Amino acid sequence: MARLKLKDLREMNDKDLEDKLSELKAELGKLTVEAAKGTLRKDSGKVRYRRRDIARVMTILRERGKKI
């Protein structure tokens, strides 16, 4: 998955953002498990970017007044 741009996220509606948030959280969970097992070598930087993407989506939802 490519890194998410703030402009693209702002164009999404609330339902799409909530779906994207759950997708990102699931992916972060998988990456965290792989990191704990030690099988995450070349993709270790993805954890950082997934956390930031989750924060971006949550920030936009909060700005719109949605409960997360």
PDB file of N, CA and C in Angstrom:
ATOM      1  N   MET A   1       0.843  -1.176   0.000  1.00  0.00           N
ATOM      2  CA  MET A   1       0.000   0.000   0.000  1.00  0.00           C
ATOM      3  C   MET A   1       0.888   1.239   0.000  1.00  0.00           C
ATOM      4  N   ALA A   2       0.546   2.200  -0.832  1.00  0.00           N
ATOM      5  CA  ALA A   2       1.317   3.427  -0.924  1.00  0.00           C
ATOM      6  C   ALA A   2       1.013   4.319   0.272  1.00  0.00           C
ATOM      7  N   ARG A   3       1.911   5.247   0.503  1.00  0.00           N
ATOM      8  CA  ARG A   3       1.685   6.186   1.598  1.00  0.00           C
ATOM      9  C   ARG A   3       0.526   7.094   1.250  1.00  0.00           C
ATOM     10  N   LEU A   4      -0.244   7.451   2.244  1.00  0.00           N
ATOM     11  CA  LEU A   4      -1.451   8.242   2.031  1.00  0.00           C
ATOM     12  C   LEU A   4      -1.131   9.732   2.085  1.00  0.00           C
ATOM     13  N   LYS A   5      -1.701  10.460   1.163  1.00  0.00           N
ATOM     14  CA  LYS A   5      -1.535  11.908   1.118  1.00  0.00           C
ATOM     15  C   LYS A   5      -2.721  12.565   1.810  1.00  0.00           C
ATOM     16  N   LEU A   6      -2.481  13.640   2.493  1.00  0.00           N
ATOM     17  CA  LEU A   6      -3.520  14.333   3.231  1.00  0.00           C
ATOM     18  C   LEU A   6      -4.602  14.846   2.290  1.00  0.00           C
ATOM     19  N   LYS A   7      -4.210  15.315   1.124  1.00  0.00           N
ATOM     20  CA  LYS A   7      -5.176  15.820   0.153  1.00  0.00           C
ATOM     21  C   LYS A   7      -6.154  14.720  -0.269  1.00  0.00           C
ATOM     22  N   ASP A   8      -5.630  13.526  -0.523  1.00  0.00           N
ATOM     23  CA  ASP A   8      -6.485  12.412  -0.927  1.00  0.00           C
ATOM     24  C   ASP A   8      -7.426  11.996   0.200  1.00  0.00           C
ATOM     25  N   LEU A   9      -6.937  12.029   1.424  1.00  0.00           N
ATOM     26  CA  LEU A   9      -7.768  11.645   2.568  1.00  0.00           C
ATOM     27  C   LEU A   9      -8.899  12.639   2.786  1.00  0.00           C
ATOM     28  N   ARG A  10      -8.636  13.921   2.592  1.00  0.00           N
ATOM     29  CA  ARG A  10      -9.668  14.941   2.794  1.00  0.00           C
ATOM     30  C   ARG A  10     -10.776  14.839   1.751  1.00  0.00           C
ATOM     31  N   GLU A  11     -10.478  14.263   0.594  1.00  0.00           N
ATOM     32  CA  GLU A  11     -11.486  14.108  -0.448  1.00  0.00           C
ATOM     33  C   GLU A  11     -12.420  12.932  -0.180  1.00  0.00           C
ATOM     34  N   MET A  12     -12.028  12.017   0.711  1.00  0.00           N
ATOM     35  CA  MET A  12     -12.856  10.852   1.025  1.00  0.00           C
ATOM     36  C   MET A  12     -14.014  11.242   1.938  1.00  0.00           C
ATOM     37  N   ASN A  13     -15.111  10.482   1.858  1.00  0.00           N
ATOM     38  CA  ASN A  13     -16.216  10.729   2.784  1.00  0.00           C
ATOM     39  C   ASN A  13     -15.952   9.968   4.088  1.00  0.00           C
ATOM     40  N   ASP A  14     -16.814  10.166   5.061  1.00  0.00           N
ATOM     41  CA  ASP A  14     -16.588   9.601   6.391  1.00  0.00           C
ATOM     42  C   ASP A  14     -16.576   8.075   6.389  1.00  0.00           C
ATOM     43  N   LYS A  15     -17.471   7.478   5.633  1.00  0.00           N
ATOM     44  CA  LYS A  15     -17.538   6.002   5.581  1.00  0.00           C
ATOM     45  C   LYS A  15     -16.249   5.427   5.004  1.00  0.00           C
ATOM     46  N   ASP A  16     -15.740   6.036   3.931  1.00  0.00           N
ATOM     47  CA  ASP A  16     -14.490   5.563   3.332  1.00  0.00           C
ATOM     48  C   ASP A  16     -13.321   5.713   4.303  1.00  0.00           C
ATOM     49  N   LEU A  17     -13.323   6.809   5.053  1.00  0.00           N
ATOM     50  CA  LEU A  17     -12.249   7.024   6.027  1.00  0.00           C
ATOM     51  C   LEU A  17     -12.304   5.987   7.147  1.00  0.00           C
ATOM     52  N   GLU A  18     -13.502   5.659   7.592  1.00  0.00           N
ATOM     53  CA  GLU A  18     -13.634   4.649   8.645  1.00  0.00           C
ATOM     54  C   GLU A  18     -13.186   3.279   8.142  1.00  0.00           C
ATOM     55  N   ASP A  19     -13.510   2.967   6.888  1.00  0.00           N
ATOM     56  CA  ASP A  19     -13.051   1.709   6.297  1.00  0.00           C
ATOM     57  C   ASP A  19     -11.532   1.687   6.170  1.00  0.00           C
ATOM     58  N   LYS A  20     -10.966   2.798   5.738  1.00  0.00           N
ATOM     59  CA  LYS A  20      -9.511   2.902   5.584  1.00  0.00           C
ATOM     60  C   LYS A  20      -8.830   2.770   6.937  1.00  0.00           C
ATOM     61  N   LEU A  21      -9.450   3.347   7.975  1.00  0.00           N
ATOM     62  CA  LEU A  21      -8.885   3.268   9.318  1.00  0.00           C
ATOM     63  C   LEU A  21      -8.827   1.824   9.804  1.00  0.00           C
ATOM     64  N   SER A  22      -9.898   1.081   9.600  1.00  0.00           N
ATOM     65  CA  SER A  22      -9.899  -0.318  10.045  1.00  0.00           C
ATOM     66  C   SER A  22      -8.900  -1.141   9.230  1.00  0.00           C
ATOM     67  N   GLU A  23      -8.774  -0.839   7.952  1.00  0.00           N
ATOM     68  CA  GLU A  23      -7.797  -1.533   7.106  1.00  0.00           C
ATOM     69  C   GLU A  23      -6.361  -1.250   7.565  1.00  0.00           C
ATOM     70  N   LEU A  24      -6.090   0.009   7.881  1.00  0.00           N
ATOM     71  CA  LEU A  24      -4.752   0.380   8.338  1.00  0.00           C
ATOM     72  C   LEU A  24      -4.419  -0.254   9.688  1.00  0.00           C
ATOM     73  N   LYS A  25      -5.407  -0.298  10.583  1.00  0.00           N
ATOM     74  CA  LYS A  25      -5.174  -0.907  11.892  1.00  0.00           C
ATOM     75  C   LYS A  25      -4.900  -2.400  11.768  1.00  0.00           C
ATOM     76  N   ALA A  26      -5.600  -3.059  10.845  1.00  0.00           N
ATOM     77  CA  ALA A  26      -5.360  -4.488  10.625  1.00  0.00           C
ATOM     78  C   ALA A  26      -3.955  -4.713  10.070  1.00  0.00           C
ATOM     79  N   GLU A  27      -3.561  -3.881   9.131  1.00  0.00           N
ATOM     80  CA  GLU A  27      -2.226  -4.013   8.553  1.00  0.00           C
ATOM     81  C   GLU A  27      -1.140  -3.733   9.593  1.00  0.00           C
ATOM     82  N   LEU A  28      -1.372  -2.727  10.438  1.00  0.00           N
ATOM     83  CA  LEU A  28      -0.407  -2.424  11.498  1.00  0.00           C
ATOM     84  C   LEU A  28      -0.289  -3.594  12.467  1.00  0.00           C
ATOM     85  N   GLY A  29      -1.406  -4.243  12.769  1.00  0.00           N
ATOM     86  CA  GLY A  29      -1.372  -5.415  13.643  1.00  0.00           C
ATOM     87  C   GLY A  29      -0.528  -6.526  13.059  1.00  0.00           C
ATOM     88  N   LYS A  30      -0.689  -6.775  11.767  1.00  0.00           N
ATOM     89  CA  LYS A  30       0.116  -7.813  11.106  1.00  0.00           C
ATOM     90  C   LYS A  30       1.600  -7.460  11.129  1.00  0.00           C
ATOM     91  N   LEU A  31       1.907  -6.188  10.853  1.00  0.00           N
ATOM     92  CA  LEU A  31       3.310  -5.769  10.862  1.00  0.00           C
ATOM     93  C   LEU A  31       3.912  -5.872  12.253  1.00  0.00           C
ATOM     94  N   THR A  32       3.126  -5.551  13.269  1.00  0.00           N
ATOM     95  CA  THR A  32       3.612  -5.631  14.647  1.00  0.00           C
ATOM     96  C   THR A  32       3.915  -7.073  15.037  1.00  0.00           C
ATOM     97  N   VAL A  33       3.049  -8.003  14.624  1.00  0.00           N
ATOM     98  CA  VAL A  33       3.268  -9.416  14.926  1.00  0.00           C
ATOM     99  C   VAL A  33       4.534  -9.907  14.221  1.00  0.00           C
ATOM    100  N   GLU A  34       4.698  -9.522  12.967  1.00  0.00           N
ATOM    101  CA  GLU A  34       5.898  -9.932  12.230  1.00  0.00           C
ATOM    102  C   GLU A  34       7.157  -9.352  12.863  1.00  0.00           C
ATOM    103  N   ALA A  35       7.070  -8.118  13.337  1.00  0.00           N
ATOM    104  CA  ALA A  35       8.226  -7.500  13.985  1.00  0.00           C
ATOM    105  C   ALA A  35       8.570  -8.224  15.284  1.00  0.00           C
ATOM    106  N   ALA A  36       7.546  -8.642  16.013  1.00  0.00           N
ATOM    107  CA  ALA A  36       7.776  -9.350  17.273  1.00  0.00           C
ATOM    108  C   ALA A  36       8.387 -10.721  17.025  1.00  0.00           C
ATOM    109  N   LYS A  37       7.988 -11.373  15.943  1.00  0.00           N
ATOM    110  CA  LYS A  37       8.544 -12.686  15.606  1.00  0.00           C
ATOM    111  C   LYS A  37       9.959 -12.571  15.044  1.00  0.00           C
ATOM    112  N   GLY A  38      10.290 -11.392  14.528  1.00  0.00           N
ATOM    113  CA  GLY A  38      11.611 -11.205  13.945  1.00  0.00           C
ATOM    114  C   GLY A  38      11.662 -11.501  12.462  1.00  0.00           C
ATOM    115  N   THR A  39      10.516 -11.652  11.820  1.00  0.00           N
ATOM    116  CA  THR A  39      10.501 -11.949  10.392  1.00  0.00           C
ATOM    117  C   THR A  39      10.358 -10.696   9.534  1.00  0.00           C
ATOM    118  N   LEU A  40      10.280  -9.546  10.158  1.00  0.00           N
ATOM    119  CA  LEU A  40      10.122  -8.285   9.443  1.00  0.00           C
ATOM    120  C   LEU A  40      11.493  -7.646   9.277  1.00  0.00           C
ATOM    121  N   ARG A  41      12.089  -7.805   8.132  1.00  0.00           N
ATOM    122  CA  ARG A  41      13.437  -7.276   7.903  1.00  0.00           C
ATOM    123  C   ARG A  41      13.409  -5.999   7.079  1.00  0.00           C
ATOM    124  N   LYS A  42      13.186  -6.126   5.787  1.00  0.00           N
ATOM    125  CA  LYS A  42      13.295  -4.965   4.907  1.00  0.00           C
ATOM    126  C   LYS A  42      12.100  -4.022   5.012  1.00  0.00           C
ATOM    127  N   ASP A  43      10.983  -4.502   5.565  1.00  0.00           N
ATOM    128  CA  ASP A  43       9.791  -3.676   5.679  1.00  0.00           C
ATOM    129  C   ASP A  43       9.626  -3.062   7.065  1.00  0.00           C
ATOM    130  N   SER A  44      10.676  -2.985   7.829  1.00  0.00           N
ATOM    131  CA  SER A  44      10.551  -2.500   9.200  1.00  0.00           C
ATOM    132  C   SER A  44      10.138  -1.033   9.260  1.00  0.00           C
ATOM    133  N   GLY A  45      10.398  -0.273   8.216  1.00  0.00           N
ATOM    134  CA  GLY A  45      10.000   1.131   8.191  1.00  0.00           C
ATOM    135  C   GLY A  45       8.516   1.328   7.967  1.00  0.00           C
ATOM    136  N   LYS A  46       7.815   0.296   7.528  1.00  0.00           N
ATOM    137  CA  LYS A  46       6.384   0.414   7.263  1.00  0.00           C
ATOM    138  C   LYS A  46       5.581   0.638   8.535  1.00  0.00           C
ATOM    139  N   VAL A  47       6.061   0.138   9.650  1.00  0.00           N
ATOM    140  CA  VAL A  47       5.335   0.285  10.909  1.00  0.00           C
ATOM    141  C   VAL A  47       5.173   1.765  11.231  1.00  0.00           C
ATOM    142  N   ARG A  48       6.218   2.506  11.080  1.00  0.00           N
ATOM    143  CA  ARG A  48       6.206   3.934  11.379  1.00  0.00           C
ATOM    144  C   ARG A  48       5.200   4.670  10.492  1.00  0.00           C
ATOM    145  N   TYR A  49       5.215   4.367   9.204  1.00  0.00           N
ATOM    146  CA  TYR A  49       4.336   5.055   8.270  1.00  0.00           C
ATOM    147  C   TYR A  49       2.878   4.650   8.443  1.00  0.00           C
ATOM    148  N   ARG A  50       2.611   3.419   8.818  1.00  0.00           N
ATOM    149  CA  ARG A  50       1.236   2.996   9.068  1.00  0.00           C
ATOM    150  C   ARG A  50       0.675   3.720  10.295  1.00  0.00           C
ATOM    151  N   ARG A  51       1.494   3.870  11.333  1.00  0.00           N
ATOM    152  CA  ARG A  51       1.040   4.603  12.520  1.00  0.00           C
ATOM    153  C   ARG A  51       0.723   6.051  12.172  1.00  0.00           C
ATOM    154  N   ARG A  52       1.538   6.651  11.335  1.00  0.00           N
ATOM    155  CA  ARG A  52       1.291   8.034  10.927  1.00  0.00           C
ATOM    156  C   ARG A  52       0.034   8.147  10.066  1.00  0.00           C
ATOM    157  N   ASP A  53      -0.178   7.180   9.183  1.00  0.00           N
ATOM    158  CA  ASP A  53      -1.380   7.189   8.354  1.00  0.00           C
ATOM    159  C   ASP A  53      -2.629   7.060   9.204  1.00  0.00           C
ATOM    160  N   ILE A  54      -2.569   6.195  10.227  1.00  0.00           N
ATOM    161  CA  ILE A  54      -3.695   6.039  11.150  1.00  0.00           C
ATOM    162  C   ILE A  54      -3.970   7.356  11.859  1.00  0.00           C
ATOM    163  N   ALA A  55      -2.931   8.042  12.282  1.00  0.00           N
ATOM    164  CA  ALA A  55      -3.097   9.326  12.963  1.00  0.00           C
ATOM    165  C   ALA A  55      -3.713  10.362  12.034  1.00  0.00           C
ATOM    166  N   ARG A  56      -3.314  10.368  10.772  1.00  0.00           N
ATOM    167  CA  ARG A  56      -3.888  11.303   9.806  1.00  0.00           C
ATOM    168  C   ARG A  56      -5.391  11.069   9.635  1.00  0.00           C
ATOM    169  N   VAL A  57      -5.771   9.821   9.475  1.00  0.00           N
ATOM    170  CA  VAL A  57      -7.186   9.502   9.280  1.00  0.00           C
ATOM    171  C   VAL A  57      -7.984   9.872  10.521  1.00  0.00           C
ATOM    172  N   MET A  58      -7.472   9.551  11.689  1.00  0.00           N
ATOM    173  CA  MET A  58      -8.183   9.870  12.927  1.00  0.00           C
ATOM    174  C   MET A  58      -8.317  11.378  13.121  1.00  0.00           C
ATOM    175  N   THR A  59      -7.296  12.130  12.737  1.00  0.00           N
ATOM    176  CA  THR A  59      -7.344  13.581  12.855  1.00  0.00           C
ATOM    177  C   THR A  59      -8.430  14.162  11.960  1.00  0.00           C
ATOM    178  N   ILE A  60      -8.522  13.687  10.732  1.00  0.00           N
ATOM    179  CA  ILE A  60      -9.539  14.187   9.813  1.00  0.00           C
ATOM    180  C   ILE A  60     -10.931  13.856  10.336  1.00  0.00           C
ATOM    181  N   LEU A  61     -11.114  12.638  10.845  1.00  0.00           N
ATOM    182  CA  LEU A  61     -12.420  12.269  11.401  1.00  0.00           C
ATOM    183  C   LEU A  61     -12.791  13.137  12.597  1.00  0.00           C
ATOM    184  N   ARG A  62     -11.823  13.456  13.437  1.00  0.00           N
ATOM    185  CA  ARG A  62     -12.089  14.308  14.593  1.00  0.00           C
ATOM    186  C   ARG A  62     -12.418  15.733  14.152  1.00  0.00           C
ATOM    187  N   GLU A  63     -11.730  16.218  13.108  1.00  0.00           N
ATOM    188  CA  GLU A  63     -12.026  17.553  12.614  1.00  0.00           C
ATOM    189  C   GLU A  63     -13.450  17.637  12.101  1.00  0.00           C
ATOM    190  N   ARG A  64     -13.937  16.574  11.524  1.00  0.00           N
ATOM    191  CA  ARG A  64     -15.303  16.547  10.985  1.00  0.00           C
ATOM    192  C   ARG A  64     -16.336  16.295  12.080  1.00  0.00           C
ATOM    193  N   GLY A  65     -15.890  16.023  13.277  1.00  0.00           N
ATOM    194  CA  GLY A  65     -16.806  15.856  14.393  1.00  0.00           C
ATOM    195  C   GLY A  65     -17.344  14.442  14.550  1.00  0.00           C
ATOM    196  N   LYS A  66     -16.692  13.454  13.922  1.00  0.00           N
ATOM    197  CA  LYS A  66     -17.126  12.073  14.029  1.00  0.00           C
ATOM    198  C   LYS A  66     -16.514  11.452  15.279  1.00  0.00           C
ATOM    199  N   LYS A  67     -17.294  10.619  15.928  1.00  0.00           N
ATOM    200  CA  LYS A  67     -16.777   9.830  17.044  1.00  0.00           C
ATOM    201  C   LYS A  67     -16.039   8.630  16.482  1.00  0.00           C
ATOM    202  N   ILE A  68     -14.898   8.350  17.006  1.00  0.00           N
ATOM    203  CA  ILE A  68     -14.100   7.224  16.506  1.00  0.00           C
ATOM    204  C   ILE A  68     -14.298   6.039  17.413  1.00  0.00           C
TER     205      ILE A  68
END
